């Protein structure tokens, strides 16, 4: 833990950063802003500062090309008191290598199920990838994990030094009004997020549901899904108030992913008063736990969950989302950081 001080110099190294749009970027950007508002000096080093190449099978994600030398200069110029390595990509590996060589301490976070994502695209077995990830995170002083169920799973896979780190939601942006007035038959079932194979969107689009289906988001699978499901409305990406209206104007938010580690979109939907339907997996079962009233449903039968969620109390959805604060998320993150000074 960092010693008590009004201000610390905190460095976050991440392979997921703007202009990427995903939960990791939203989490890191919001936490960095909260920490700055608390008086800390926060620097985020992402791939936007380096030469990059497109990620194989996912060209929207840039990978930093041979970043080590330049990254080390940036780290030493900033002179951080705490180092957090957020991702396991080229920048994360270069930062980890530097920290190990200098015997400096750092923390990491488990944001993404890379093993499952790689298997979905290449059929590479998950076991050797998890073994590599254990070594990556095992060099740090602690690995931050978003949910209790994910923590239990990772402990079973041999991960150690796990630290709880939940998430938050912008309650001023995501709210029940105003609503998108979809010119579609009701009820409207919506998916929001990346349109990519690991999100399992076909499991939602194949459901026999009344009313209409809407997909909000962009990604490598967008064109093929548009061709395969002409009856579905695909809006493309939406941001800010337009995104909030899309949530609020829908009757149920359907989250078909089996591989997310949290799912910020779940909180965003609930904050807009929209109930959630999902499989009973890490993320949905954690986010929905402890709600006072029906705020959604999880079931191995996603159709059953979607229909049950139609009965939810939209006021209870909003009240449940109000339990998740970005300030509390940032304070917990700060409490897990360790002094970078050599042991």
C-alpha atoms as a PDB file:
ATOM      1  CA  UNK A   1       0.000   0.000   0.000  1.00  0.00           C
ATOM      2  CA  UNK A   2       1.186   3.529  -0.762  1.00  0.00           C
ATOM      3  CA  UNK A   3       2.004   5.635   2.301  1.00  0.00           C
ATOM      4  CA  UNK A   4      -0.583   8.297   3.206  1.00  0.00           C
ATOM      5  CA  UNK A   5      -0.005  11.477   1.184  1.00  0.00           C
ATOM      6  CA  UNK A   6      -2.130  14.218  -0.371  1.00  0.00           C
ATOM      7  CA  UNK A   7      -0.684  13.444  -3.789  1.00  0.00           C
ATOM      8  CA  UNK A   8       1.054  10.521  -5.471  1.00  0.00           C
ATOM      9  CA  UNK A   9       2.603  10.147  -8.932  1.00  0.00           C
ATOM     10  CA  UNK A  10       0.780   7.196 -10.460  1.00  0.00           C
ATOM     11  CA  UNK A  11       1.664   5.610 -13.809  1.00  0.00           C
ATOM     12  CA  UNK A  12      -0.740   3.342 -15.694  1.00  0.00           C
ATOM     13  CA  UNK A  13       0.612   1.391 -18.670  1.00  0.00           C
ATOM     14  CA  UNK A  14      -2.075  -0.071 -20.917  1.00  0.00           C
ATOM     15  CA  UNK A  15      -2.386  -1.602 -24.381  1.00  0.00           C
ATOM     16  CA  UNK A  16      -6.088  -0.652 -24.356  1.00  0.00           C
ATOM     17  CA  UNK A  17      -6.514   3.094 -24.769  1.00  0.00           C
ATOM     18  CA  UNK A  18      -8.162   5.706 -26.955  1.00  0.00           C
ATOM     19  CA  UNK A  19      -9.332   5.654 -29.706  1.00  0.00           C
ATOM     20  CA  UNK A  20     -10.389   2.123 -28.737  1.00  0.00           C
ATOM     21  CA  UNK A  21     -13.907   1.903 -27.310  1.00  0.00           C
ATOM     22  CA  UNK A  22     -14.324  -0.833 -24.708  1.00  0.00           C
ATOM     23  CA  UNK A  23     -14.811  -1.430 -21.018  1.00  0.00           C
ATOM     24  CA  UNK A  24     -11.099  -1.469 -20.216  1.00  0.00           C
ATOM     25  CA  UNK A  25     -10.583   1.982 -21.745  1.00  0.00           C
ATOM     26  CA  UNK A  26     -13.666   3.397 -20.015  1.00  0.00           C
ATOM     27  CA  UNK A  27     -12.553   1.977 -16.681  1.00  0.00           C
ATOM     28  CA  UNK A  28      -8.977   3.268 -16.870  1.00  0.00           C
ATOM     29  CA  UNK A  29      -9.948   6.692 -18.221  1.00  0.00           C
ATOM     30  CA  UNK A  30     -12.606   7.213 -15.555  1.00  0.00           C
ATOM     31  CA  UNK A  31     -10.426   5.990 -12.700  1.00  0.00           C
ATOM     32  CA  UNK A  32      -7.564   8.225 -13.879  1.00  0.00           C
ATOM     33  CA  UNK A  33      -9.927  11.216 -13.937  1.00  0.00           C
ATOM     34  CA  UNK A  34     -11.212  10.401 -10.433  1.00  0.00           C
ATOM     35  CA  UNK A  35      -7.662  10.078  -9.101  1.00  0.00           C
ATOM     36  CA  UNK A  36      -6.720  13.443 -10.612  1.00  0.00           C
ATOM     37  CA  UNK A  37      -9.798  14.993  -9.011  1.00  0.00           C
ATOM     38  CA  UNK A  38      -8.542  13.587  -5.695  1.00  0.00           C
ATOM     39  CA  UNK A  39      -5.262  15.467  -6.184  1.00  0.00           C
ATOM     40  CA  UNK A  40      -3.002  12.760  -7.595  1.00  0.00           C
ATOM     41  CA  UNK A  41      -0.748  13.120 -10.641  1.00  0.00           C
ATOM     42  CA  UNK A  42      -1.709  10.376 -13.081  1.00  0.00           C
ATOM     43  CA  UNK A  43       0.004   9.507 -16.359  1.00  0.00           C
ATOM     44  CA  UNK A  44      -1.429   6.935 -18.762  1.00  0.00           C
ATOM     45  CA  UNK A  45       0.856   5.459 -21.423  1.00  0.00           C
ATOM     46  CA  UNK A  46      -1.016   3.735 -24.232  1.00  0.00           C
ATOM     47  CA  UNK A  47      -0.409   2.682 -27.827  1.00  0.00           C
ATOM     48  CA  UNK A  48      -1.381   6.131 -29.115  1.00  0.00           C
ATOM     49  CA  UNK A  49       2.199   7.221 -28.336  1.00  0.00           C
ATOM     50  CA  UNK A  50       3.901   4.508 -30.393  1.00  0.00           C
ATOM     51  CA  UNK A  51       4.104   3.085 -33.868  1.00  0.00           C
ATOM     52  CA  UNK A  52       1.495   0.364 -34.111  1.00  0.00           C
ATOM     53  CA  UNK A  53       0.355  -2.530 -36.250  1.00  0.00           C
ATOM     54  CA  UNK A  54      -3.211  -3.907 -36.432  1.00  0.00           C
ATOM     55  CA  UNK A  55      -3.948  -6.830 -34.159  1.00  0.00           C
ATOM     56  CA  UNK A  56      -4.295 -10.046 -36.205  1.00  0.00           C
ATOM     57  CA  UNK A  57      -7.997 -10.970 -36.612  1.00  0.00           C
ATOM     58  CA  UNK A  58      -9.004  -7.682 -34.910  1.00  0.00           C
ATOM     59  CA  UNK A  59      -7.588  -4.738 -36.910  1.00  0.00           C
ATOM     60  CA  UNK A  60      -9.467  -2.146 -34.831  1.00  0.00           C
ATOM     61  CA  UNK A  61      -7.027  -2.842 -31.972  1.00  0.00           C
ATOM     62  CA  UNK A  62      -3.534  -1.346 -32.490  1.00  0.00           C
ATOM     63  CA  UNK A  63      -0.517  -3.153 -31.049  1.00  0.00           C
ATOM     64  CA  UNK A  64       2.572  -1.138 -30.168  1.00  0.00           C
ATOM     65  CA  UNK A  65       5.572  -2.080 -32.284  1.00  0.00           C
ATOM     66  CA  UNK A  66       8.834  -2.669 -30.364  1.00  0.00           C
ATOM     67  CA  UNK A  67       7.946  -0.170 -27.612  1.00  0.00           C
ATOM     68  CA  UNK A  68      10.481  -1.109 -24.914  1.00  0.00           C
ATOM     69  CA  UNK A  69      13.176   1.536 -25.359  1.00  0.00           C
ATOM     70  CA  UNK A  70      10.793   4.460 -25.750  1.00  0.00           C
ATOM     71  CA  UNK A  71       8.536   3.195 -22.977  1.00  0.00           C
ATOM     72  CA  UNK A  72      11.434   2.977 -20.536  1.00  0.00           C
ATOM     73  CA  UNK A  73      12.366   6.598 -21.288  1.00  0.00           C
ATOM     74  CA  UNK A  74       8.775   7.666 -20.623  1.00  0.00           C
ATOM     75  CA  UNK A  75       8.637   5.785 -17.333  1.00  0.00           C
ATOM     76  CA  UNK A  76      11.938   7.214 -16.121  1.00  0.00           C
ATOM     77  CA  UNK A  77      11.001  10.753 -17.175  1.00  0.00           C
ATOM     78  CA  UNK A  78       7.710  10.571 -15.291  1.00  0.00           C
ATOM     79  CA  UNK A  79       9.419   9.090 -12.207  1.00  0.00           C
ATOM     80  CA  UNK A  80       6.324   7.404 -10.740  1.00  0.00           C
ATOM     81  CA  UNK A  81       5.737   6.470  -7.131  1.00  0.00           C
ATOM     82  CA  UNK A  82       3.434   3.631  -8.199  1.00  0.00           C
ATOM     83  CA  UNK A  83       3.206   1.584 -11.393  1.00  0.00           C
ATOM     84  CA  UNK A  84       0.095  -0.248 -12.567  1.00  0.00           C
ATOM     85  CA  UNK A  85       0.327  -2.509 -15.614  1.00  0.00           C
ATOM     86  CA  UNK A  86      -3.223  -2.863 -16.873  1.00  0.00           C
ATOM     87  CA  UNK A  87      -2.852  -5.273 -19.809  1.00  0.00           C
ATOM     88  CA  UNK A  88      -0.773  -8.171 -21.070  1.00  0.00           C
ATOM     89  CA  UNK A  89       0.021  -6.762 -24.547  1.00  0.00           C
ATOM     90  CA  UNK A  90       3.290  -5.368 -25.940  1.00  0.00           C
ATOM     91  CA  UNK A  91       3.300  -2.330 -23.645  1.00  0.00           C
ATOM     92  CA  UNK A  92       2.370  -4.385 -20.602  1.00  0.00           C
ATOM     93  CA  UNK A  93       5.092  -6.922 -21.339  1.00  0.00           C
ATOM     94  CA  UNK A  94       7.685  -4.183 -21.879  1.00  0.00           C
ATOM     95  CA  UNK A  95       6.733  -2.440 -18.614  1.00  0.00           C
ATOM     96  CA  UNK A  96       6.835  -5.746 -16.735  1.00  0.00           C
ATOM     97  CA  UNK A  97      10.272  -6.550 -18.167  1.00  0.00           C
ATOM     98  CA  UNK A  98      11.618  -3.142 -17.087  1.00  0.00           C
ATOM     99  CA  UNK A  99      10.154  -3.477 -13.586  1.00  0.00           C
ATOM    100  CA  UNK A 100      11.609  -6.960 -13.123  1.00  0.00           C
ATOM    101  CA  UNK A 101      15.034  -5.857 -14.369  1.00  0.00           C
ATOM    102  CA  UNK A 102      15.090  -2.856 -12.017  1.00  0.00           C
ATOM    103  CA  UNK A 103      13.469  -4.845  -9.171  1.00  0.00           C
ATOM    104  CA  UNK A 104      10.652  -2.309  -8.966  1.00  0.00           C
ATOM    105  CA  UNK A 105       7.230  -3.299  -7.650  1.00  0.00           C
ATOM    106  CA  UNK A 106       3.973  -2.995  -9.575  1.00  0.00           C
ATOM    107  CA  UNK A 107       0.362  -4.150  -9.668  1.00  0.00           C
ATOM    108  CA  UNK A 108      -1.615  -5.651 -12.548  1.00  0.00           C
ATOM    109  CA  UNK A 109      -5.268  -6.273 -13.405  1.00  0.00           C
ATOM    110  CA  UNK A 110      -7.116  -9.137 -15.066  1.00  0.00           C
ATOM    111  CA  UNK A 111      -9.431  -7.286 -17.458  1.00  0.00           C
ATOM    112  CA  UNK A 112      -9.843  -9.676 -20.375  1.00  0.00           C
ATOM    113  CA  UNK A 113     -10.134 -13.404 -20.981  1.00  0.00           C
ATOM    114  CA  UNK A 114      -7.465 -13.475 -23.645  1.00  0.00           C
ATOM    115  CA  UNK A 115      -7.307 -17.267 -23.572  1.00  0.00           C
ATOM    116  CA  UNK A 116     -10.972 -17.604 -24.519  1.00  0.00           C
ATOM    117  CA  UNK A 117     -10.757 -14.776 -27.072  1.00  0.00           C
ATOM    118  CA  UNK A 118      -7.788 -16.402 -28.790  1.00  0.00           C
ATOM    119  CA  UNK A 119      -9.496 -19.794 -28.771  1.00  0.00           C
ATOM    120  CA  UNK A 120     -12.615 -18.273 -30.351  1.00  0.00           C
ATOM    121  CA  UNK A 121     -10.510 -16.998 -33.251  1.00  0.00           C
ATOM    122  CA  UNK A 122      -7.778 -19.621 -33.644  1.00  0.00           C
ATOM    123  CA  UNK A 123      -8.819 -22.738 -31.656  1.00  0.00           C
ATOM    124  CA  UNK A 124      -5.590 -22.531 -29.646  1.00  0.00           C
ATOM    125  CA  UNK A 125      -6.165 -24.352 -26.296  1.00  0.00           C
ATOM    126  CA  UNK A 126      -6.658 -22.100 -23.273  1.00  0.00           C
ATOM    127  CA  UNK A 127      -4.385 -24.023 -20.893  1.00  0.00           C
ATOM    128  CA  UNK A 128      -0.984 -22.811 -22.176  1.00  0.00           C
ATOM    129  CA  UNK A 129      -2.289 -19.248 -22.459  1.00  0.00           C
ATOM    130  CA  UNK A 130      -3.444 -19.281 -18.835  1.00  0.00           C
ATOM    131  CA  UNK A 131      -0.041 -20.656 -17.818  1.00  0.00           C
ATOM    132  CA  UNK A 132       1.622 -17.685 -19.530  1.00  0.00           C
ATOM    133  CA  UNK A 133      -0.833 -15.263 -17.899  1.00  0.00           C
ATOM    134  CA  UNK A 134      -0.091 -16.736 -14.455  1.00  0.00           C
ATOM    135  CA  UNK A 135       3.591 -15.986 -14.999  1.00  0.00           C
ATOM    136  CA  UNK A 136       2.822 -12.479 -16.269  1.00  0.00           C
ATOM    137  CA  UNK A 137       0.679 -11.494 -13.292  1.00  0.00           C
ATOM    138  CA  UNK A 138       2.667 -13.502 -10.784  1.00  0.00           C
ATOM    139  CA  UNK A 139       5.600 -11.071 -11.105  1.00  0.00           C
ATOM    140  CA  UNK A 140       3.500  -8.254  -9.638  1.00  0.00           C
ATOM    141  CA  UNK A 141       2.547  -7.525  -6.045  1.00  0.00           C
ATOM    142  CA  UNK A 142      -1.161  -8.005  -6.687  1.00  0.00           C
ATOM    143  CA  UNK A 143      -3.646  -8.635  -9.499  1.00  0.00           C
ATOM    144  CA  UNK A 144      -6.901  -6.654  -9.407  1.00  0.00           C
ATOM    145  CA  UNK A 145     -10.050  -8.597 -10.356  1.00  0.00           C
ATOM    146  CA  UNK A 146     -13.541  -7.194 -10.873  1.00  0.00           C
ATOM    147  CA  UNK A 147     -15.838  -9.885  -9.454  1.00  0.00           C
ATOM    148  CA  UNK A 148     -15.926 -12.552  -6.774  1.00  0.00           C
ATOM    149  CA  UNK A 149     -16.842 -15.319  -9.213  1.00  0.00           C
ATOM    150  CA  UNK A 150     -13.902 -14.457 -11.460  1.00  0.00           C
ATOM    151  CA  UNK A 151     -11.634 -14.401  -8.413  1.00  0.00           C
ATOM    152  CA  UNK A 152     -12.762 -17.925  -7.479  1.00  0.00           C
ATOM    153  CA  UNK A 153     -12.186 -19.146 -11.027  1.00  0.00           C
ATOM    154  CA  UNK A 154      -8.700 -17.665 -11.241  1.00  0.00           C
ATOM    155  CA  UNK A 155      -7.704 -19.094  -7.855  1.00  0.00           C
ATOM    156  CA  UNK A 156      -8.750 -22.506  -9.187  1.00  0.00           C
ATOM    157  CA  UNK A 157      -6.472 -21.878 -12.179  1.00  0.00           C
ATOM    158  CA  UNK A 158      -3.522 -21.191  -9.902  1.00  0.00           C
ATOM    159  CA  UNK A 159      -3.483 -17.376  -9.757  1.00  0.00           C
ATOM    160  CA  UNK A 160      -2.399 -15.778  -6.482  1.00  0.00           C
ATOM    161  CA  UNK A 161      -2.314 -12.346  -4.778  1.00  0.00           C
ATOM    162  CA  UNK A 162      -5.773 -11.444  -6.086  1.00  0.00           C
ATOM    163  CA  UNK A 163      -7.248  -8.085  -5.060  1.00  0.00           C
ATOM    164  CA  UNK A 164     -10.965  -7.165  -5.384  1.00  0.00           C
ATOM    165  CA  UNK A 165     -11.680  -4.155  -7.610  1.00  0.00           C
ATOM    166  CA  UNK A 166     -15.275  -3.499  -8.641  1.00  0.00           C
ATOM    167  CA  UNK A 167     -16.521  -0.951 -11.191  1.00  0.00           C
ATOM    168  CA  UNK A 168     -18.753   2.111 -11.379  1.00  0.00           C
ATOM    169  CA  UNK A 169     -21.188   3.867 -13.675  1.00  0.00           C
ATOM    170  CA  UNK A 170     -21.763   7.491 -14.683  1.00  0.00           C
ATOM    171  CA  UNK A 171     -25.179   8.102 -13.136  1.00  0.00           C
ATOM    172  CA  UNK A 172     -25.427  11.609 -14.608  1.00  0.00           C
ATOM    173  CA  UNK A 173     -25.045  10.345 -18.173  1.00  0.00           C
ATOM    174  CA  UNK A 174     -26.864   7.019 -17.925  1.00  0.00           C
ATOM    175  CA  UNK A 175     -30.365   7.720 -16.632  1.00  0.00           C
ATOM    176  CA  UNK A 176     -33.965   6.686 -17.360  1.00  0.00           C
ATOM    177  CA  UNK A 177     -34.800   9.823 -19.356  1.00  0.00           C
ATOM    178  CA  UNK A 178     -34.679  10.829 -22.163  1.00  0.00           C
ATOM    179  CA  UNK A 179     -35.476   7.644 -24.055  1.00  0.00           C
ATOM    180  CA  UNK A 180     -34.927   6.610 -27.651  1.00  0.00           C
ATOM    181  CA  UNK A 181     -38.306   6.332 -29.346  1.00  0.00           C
ATOM    182  CA  UNK A 182     -37.592   3.248 -31.415  1.00  0.00           C
ATOM    183  CA  UNK A 183     -39.951   3.093 -34.395  1.00  0.00           C
ATOM    184  CA  UNK A 184     -40.181  -0.652 -33.919  1.00  0.00           C
ATOM    185  CA  UNK A 185     -42.662  -3.211 -32.597  1.00  0.00           C
ATOM    186  CA  UNK A 186     -42.441  -3.633 -28.817  1.00  0.00           C
ATOM    187  CA  UNK A 187     -40.879  -5.032 -26.744  1.00  0.00           C
ATOM    188  CA  UNK A 188     -37.432  -3.906 -27.875  1.00  0.00           C
ATOM    189  CA  UNK A 189     -34.544  -6.166 -26.870  1.00  0.00           C
ATOM    190  CA  UNK A 190     -31.163  -4.450 -27.225  1.00  0.00           C
ATOM    191  CA  UNK A 191     -27.523  -5.523 -27.231  1.00  0.00           C
ATOM    192  CA  UNK A 192     -24.855  -2.854 -26.684  1.00  0.00           C
ATOM    193  CA  UNK A 193     -21.148  -3.492 -27.074  1.00  0.00           C
ATOM    194  CA  UNK A 194     -18.429  -4.642 -29.429  1.00  0.00           C
ATOM    195  CA  UNK A 195     -19.718  -6.635 -32.361  1.00  0.00           C
ATOM    196  CA  UNK A 196     -17.149  -9.410 -32.261  1.00  0.00           C
ATOM    197  CA  UNK A 197     -17.138 -13.191 -32.173  1.00  0.00           C
ATOM    198  CA  UNK A 198     -16.218 -13.432 -28.487  1.00  0.00           C
ATOM    199  CA  UNK A 199     -19.384 -11.540 -27.533  1.00  0.00           C
ATOM    200  CA  UNK A 200     -21.571 -14.480 -28.660  1.00  0.00           C
ATOM    201  CA  UNK A 201     -24.111 -12.091 -30.220  1.00  0.00           C
ATOM    202  CA  UNK A 202     -25.591 -14.841 -32.390  1.00  0.00           C
ATOM    203  CA  UNK A 203     -27.002 -16.458 -29.242  1.00  0.00           C
ATOM    204  CA  UNK A 204     -29.153 -13.329 -28.823  1.00  0.00           C
ATOM    205  CA  UNK A 205     -30.033 -12.840 -32.481  1.00  0.00           C
ATOM    206  CA  UNK A 206     -31.146 -16.481 -32.866  1.00  0.00           C
ATOM    207  CA  UNK A 207     -33.688 -16.211 -30.032  1.00  0.00           C
ATOM    208  CA  UNK A 208     -37.386 -16.479 -30.808  1.00  0.00           C
ATOM    209  CA  UNK A 209     -38.588 -13.321 -29.061  1.00  0.00           C
ATOM    210  CA  UNK A 210     -41.615 -11.070 -29.503  1.00  0.00           C
ATOM    211  CA  UNK A 211     -41.129  -7.509 -30.728  1.00  0.00           C
ATOM    212  CA  UNK A 212     -37.793  -6.332 -32.109  1.00  0.00           C
ATOM    213  CA  UNK A 213     -34.043  -6.751 -31.696  1.00  0.00           C
ATOM    214  CA  UNK A 214     -31.513  -3.911 -31.850  1.00  0.00           C
ATOM    215  CA  UNK A 215     -27.704  -4.106 -31.865  1.00  0.00           C
ATOM    216  CA  UNK A 216     -25.772  -0.963 -30.883  1.00  0.00           C
ATOM    217  CA  UNK A 217     -22.038  -1.041 -31.525  1.00  0.00           C
ATOM    218  CA  UNK A 218     -19.328  -1.653 -34.071  1.00  0.00           C
ATOM    219  CA  UNK A 219     -16.667  -4.265 -34.623  1.00  0.00           C
ATOM    220  CA  UNK A 220     -15.288  -6.888 -36.980  1.00  0.00           C
ATOM    221  CA  UNK A 221     -18.481  -8.968 -37.064  1.00  0.00           C
ATOM    222  CA  UNK A 222     -20.847  -6.101 -37.869  1.00  0.00           C
ATOM    223  CA  UNK A 223     -21.007  -6.555 -41.656  1.00  0.00           C
ATOM    224  CA  UNK A 224     -21.480 -10.325 -41.532  1.00  0.00           C
ATOM    225  CA  UNK A 225     -24.203 -10.130 -38.868  1.00  0.00           C
ATOM    226  CA  UNK A 226     -26.045  -7.445 -40.827  1.00  0.00           C
ATOM    227  CA  UNK A 227     -26.156  -9.803 -43.806  1.00  0.00           C
ATOM    228  CA  UNK A 228     -27.163 -12.810 -41.733  1.00  0.00           C
ATOM    229  CA  UNK A 229     -29.912 -11.052 -39.724  1.00  0.00           C
ATOM    230  CA  UNK A 230     -31.717  -8.564 -41.982  1.00  0.00           C
ATOM    231  CA  UNK A 231     -34.671  -8.267 -39.563  1.00  0.00           C
ATOM    232  CA  UNK A 232     -32.418  -6.894 -36.814  1.00  0.00           C
ATOM    233  CA  UNK A 233     -31.745  -3.162 -36.557  1.00  0.00           C
ATOM    234  CA  UNK A 234     -28.010  -2.441 -36.380  1.00  0.00           C
ATOM    235  CA  UNK A 235     -27.359   1.172 -35.406  1.00  0.00           C
ATOM    236  CA  UNK A 236     -23.556   1.111 -35.450  1.00  0.00           C
ATOM    237  CA  UNK A 237     -21.630   2.693 -32.570  1.00  0.00           C
ATOM    238  CA  UNK A 238     -23.273   5.268 -30.316  1.00  0.00           C
ATOM    239  CA  UNK A 239     -21.662   7.437 -27.678  1.00  0.00           C
ATOM    240  CA  UNK A 240     -22.640   9.728 -24.824  1.00  0.00           C
ATOM    241  CA  UNK A 241     -26.261  10.823 -24.647  1.00  0.00           C
ATOM    242  CA  UNK A 242     -27.218   8.940 -27.815  1.00  0.00           C
ATOM    243  CA  UNK A 243     -25.999   5.724 -26.203  1.00  0.00           C
ATOM    244  CA  UNK A 244     -27.852   6.456 -22.964  1.00  0.00           C
ATOM    245  CA  UNK A 245     -31.083   7.060 -24.905  1.00  0.00           C
ATOM    246  CA  UNK A 246     -30.655   3.702 -26.654  1.00  0.00           C
ATOM    247  CA  UNK A 247     -30.475   1.897 -23.333  1.00  0.00           C
ATOM    248  CA  UNK A 248     -33.323   3.863 -21.761  1.00  0.00           C
ATOM    249  CA  UNK A 249     -35.641   3.394 -24.718  1.00  0.00           C
ATOM    250  CA  UNK A 250     -35.299  -0.387 -24.717  1.00  0.00           C
ATOM    251  CA  UNK A 251     -37.336  -2.881 -22.743  1.00  0.00           C
ATOM    252  CA  UNK A 252     -34.587  -5.426 -21.989  1.00  0.00           C
ATOM    253  CA  UNK A 253     -30.815  -5.370 -22.372  1.00  0.00           C
ATOM    254  CA  UNK A 254     -29.649  -8.809 -23.525  1.00  0.00           C
ATOM    255  CA  UNK A 255     -26.050  -9.698 -22.681  1.00  0.00           C
ATOM    256  CA  UNK A 256     -25.122 -12.976 -24.409  1.00  0.00           C
ATOM    257  CA  UNK A 257     -21.392 -12.946 -23.624  1.00  0.00           C
ATOM    258  CA  UNK A 258     -19.893 -15.961 -21.883  1.00  0.00           C
ATOM    259  CA  UNK A 259     -16.389 -14.515 -21.538  1.00  0.00           C
ATOM    260  CA  UNK A 260     -16.601 -10.989 -20.077  1.00  0.00           C
ATOM    261  CA  UNK A 261     -14.925 -10.368 -16.742  1.00  0.00           C
ATOM    262  CA  UNK A 262     -17.467  -7.752 -15.619  1.00  0.00           C
ATOM    263  CA  UNK A 263     -19.559  -5.987 -18.251  1.00  0.00           C
ATOM    264  CA  UNK A 264     -19.780  -2.227 -17.692  1.00  0.00           C
ATOM    265  CA  UNK A 265     -22.688  -2.216 -20.121  1.00  0.00           C
ATOM    266  CA  UNK A 266     -24.733  -4.085 -17.501  1.00  0.00           C
ATOM    267  CA  UNK A 267     -24.437  -1.159 -15.090  1.00  0.00           C
ATOM    268  CA  UNK A 268     -25.101   1.362 -17.853  1.00  0.00           C
ATOM    269  CA  UNK A 269     -28.335  -0.418 -18.813  1.00  0.00           C
ATOM    270  CA  UNK A 270     -29.491  -0.690 -15.196  1.00  0.00           C
ATOM    271  CA  UNK A 271     -28.712   2.990 -14.566  1.00  0.00           C
ATOM    272  CA  UNK A 272     -31.055   3.782 -17.463  1.00  0.00           C
ATOM    273  CA  UNK A 273     -33.782   1.691 -15.816  1.00  0.00           C
ATOM    274  CA  UNK A 274     -33.437  -1.161 -18.310  1.00  0.00           C
ATOM    275  CA  UNK A 275     -33.395  -4.710 -16.930  1.00  0.00           C
ATOM    276  CA  UNK A 276     -30.746  -7.259 -17.913  1.00  0.00           C
ATOM    277  CA  UNK A 277     -31.044 -10.750 -19.363  1.00  0.00           C
ATOM    278  CA  UNK A 278     -27.931 -12.909 -19.460  1.00  0.00           C
ATOM    279  CA  UNK A 279     -26.429 -16.317 -18.983  1.00  0.00           C
ATOM    280  CA  UNK A 280     -25.507 -17.230 -15.366  1.00  0.00           C
ATOM    281  CA  UNK A 281     -21.804 -16.482 -15.807  1.00  0.00           C
ATOM    282  CA  UNK A 282     -19.147 -14.206 -14.325  1.00  0.00           C
ATOM    283  CA  UNK A 283     -20.228 -10.605 -14.688  1.00  0.00           C
ATOM    284  CA  UNK A 284     -24.032 -10.791 -14.876  1.00  0.00           C
ATOM    285  CA  UNK A 285     -24.481 -13.012 -11.834  1.00  0.00           C
ATOM    286  CA  UNK A 286     -22.144 -10.740  -9.832  1.00  0.00           C
ATOM    287  CA  UNK A 287     -23.646  -7.428 -10.986  1.00  0.00           C
ATOM    288  CA  UNK A 288     -27.248  -8.517 -10.397  1.00  0.00           C
ATOM    289  CA  UNK A 289     -26.541 -10.043  -6.980  1.00  0.00           C
ATOM    290  CA  UNK A 290     -28.062  -8.331  -3.963  1.00  0.00           C
ATOM    291  CA  UNK A 291     -30.624  -6.257  -5.847  1.00  0.00           C
ATOM    292  CA  UNK A 292     -33.723  -5.161  -3.953  1.00  0.00           C
ATOM    293  CA  UNK A 293     -36.377  -6.205  -6.428  1.00  0.00           C
ATOM    294  CA  UNK A 294     -36.335  -7.802  -9.857  1.00  0.00           C
ATOM    295  CA  UNK A 295     -33.724  -6.035 -12.026  1.00  0.00           C
ATOM    296  CA  UNK A 296     -33.156  -8.774 -14.583  1.00  0.00           C
ATOM    297  CA  UNK A 297     -32.683 -12.479 -14.963  1.00  0.00           C
ATOM    298  CA  UNK A 298     -29.928 -14.997 -15.622  1.00  0.00           C
ATOM    299  CA  UNK A 299     -30.594 -18.455 -17.008  1.00  0.00           C
ATOM    300  CA  UNK A 300     -28.915 -21.109 -19.164  1.00  0.00           C
ATOM    301  CA  UNK A 301     -31.948 -20.497 -21.405  1.00  0.00           C
ATOM    302  CA  UNK A 302     -31.330 -16.940 -22.637  1.00  0.00           C
ATOM    303  CA  UNK A 303     -34.841 -16.677 -24.089  1.00  0.00           C
ATOM    304  CA  UNK A 304     -36.309 -17.522 -20.696  1.00  0.00           C
ATOM    305  CA  UNK A 305     -34.119 -14.860 -19.064  1.00  0.00           C
ATOM    306  CA  UNK A 306     -35.147 -12.237 -21.641  1.00  0.00           C
ATOM    307  CA  UNK A 307     -38.858 -12.881 -21.161  1.00  0.00           C
ATOM    308  CA  UNK A 308     -38.551 -12.915 -17.370  1.00  0.00           C
ATOM    309  CA  UNK A 309     -36.640  -9.603 -17.455  1.00  0.00           C
ATOM    310  CA  UNK A 310     -39.686  -7.972 -19.070  1.00  0.00           C
ATOM    311  CA  UNK A 311     -41.360  -8.201 -15.640  1.00  0.00           C
ATOM    312  CA  UNK A 312     -38.598  -6.261 -13.890  1.00  0.00           C
ATOM    313  CA  UNK A 313     -39.073  -3.051 -11.921  1.00  0.00           C
ATOM    314  CA  UNK A 314     -37.305  -0.252 -13.817  1.00  0.00           C
ATOM    315  CA  UNK A 315     -37.062   1.892 -10.671  1.00  0.00           C
ATOM    316  CA  UNK A 316     -35.327  -1.001  -8.902  1.00  0.00           C
ATOM    317  CA  UNK A 317     -32.883  -1.252 -11.824  1.00  0.00           C
ATOM    318  CA  UNK A 318     -31.867   2.373 -11.353  1.00  0.00           C
ATOM    319  CA  UNK A 319     -31.631   2.015  -7.572  1.00  0.00           C
ATOM    320  CA  UNK A 320     -29.360  -1.018  -7.926  1.00  0.00           C
ATOM    321  CA  UNK A 321     -27.025   0.818 -10.313  1.00  0.00           C
ATOM    322  CA  UNK A 322     -26.737   3.680  -7.821  1.00  0.00           C
ATOM    323  CA  UNK A 323     -24.799   1.321  -5.529  1.00  0.00           C
ATOM    324  CA  UNK A 324     -21.830   1.423  -7.947  1.00  0.00           C
ATOM    325  CA  UNK A 325     -19.660   4.544  -7.655  1.00  0.00           C
ATOM    326  CA  UNK A 326     -16.642   5.468  -9.787  1.00  0.00           C
ATOM    327  CA  UNK A 327     -15.173   7.368  -6.831  1.00  0.00           C
ATOM    328  CA  UNK A 328     -15.319   4.218  -4.689  1.00  0.00           C
ATOM    329  CA  UNK A 329     -13.773   2.277  -7.576  1.00  0.00           C
ATOM    330  CA  UNK A 330     -10.877   4.766  -7.803  1.00  0.00           C
ATOM    331  CA  UNK A 331     -10.336   4.756  -4.042  1.00  0.00           C
ATOM    332  CA  UNK A 332     -10.158   0.958  -4.009  1.00  0.00           C
ATOM    333  CA  UNK A 333      -7.696   1.013  -6.916  1.00  0.00           C
ATOM    334  CA  UNK A 334      -5.542   3.505  -5.025  1.00  0.00           C
ATOM    335  CA  UNK A 335      -5.595   1.357  -1.876  1.00  0.00           C
ATOM    336  CA  UNK A 336      -4.148  -1.583  -3.826  1.00  0.00           C
ATOM    337  CA  UNK A 337      -1.198   0.299  -5.330  1.00  0.00           C
ATOM    338  CA  UNK A 338       2.281  -0.367  -3.923  1.00  0.00           C
ATOM    339  CA  UNK A 339       5.408   1.818  -3.759  1.00  0.00           C
ATOM    340  CA  UNK A 340       7.534   1.329  -6.849  1.00  0.00           C
ATOM    341  CA  UNK A 341      10.774   1.637  -4.863  1.00  0.00           C
ATOM    342  CA  UNK A 342      13.031  -1.405  -4.983  1.00  0.00           C
ATOM    343  CA  UNK A 343      12.460  -3.952  -2.267  1.00  0.00           C
END
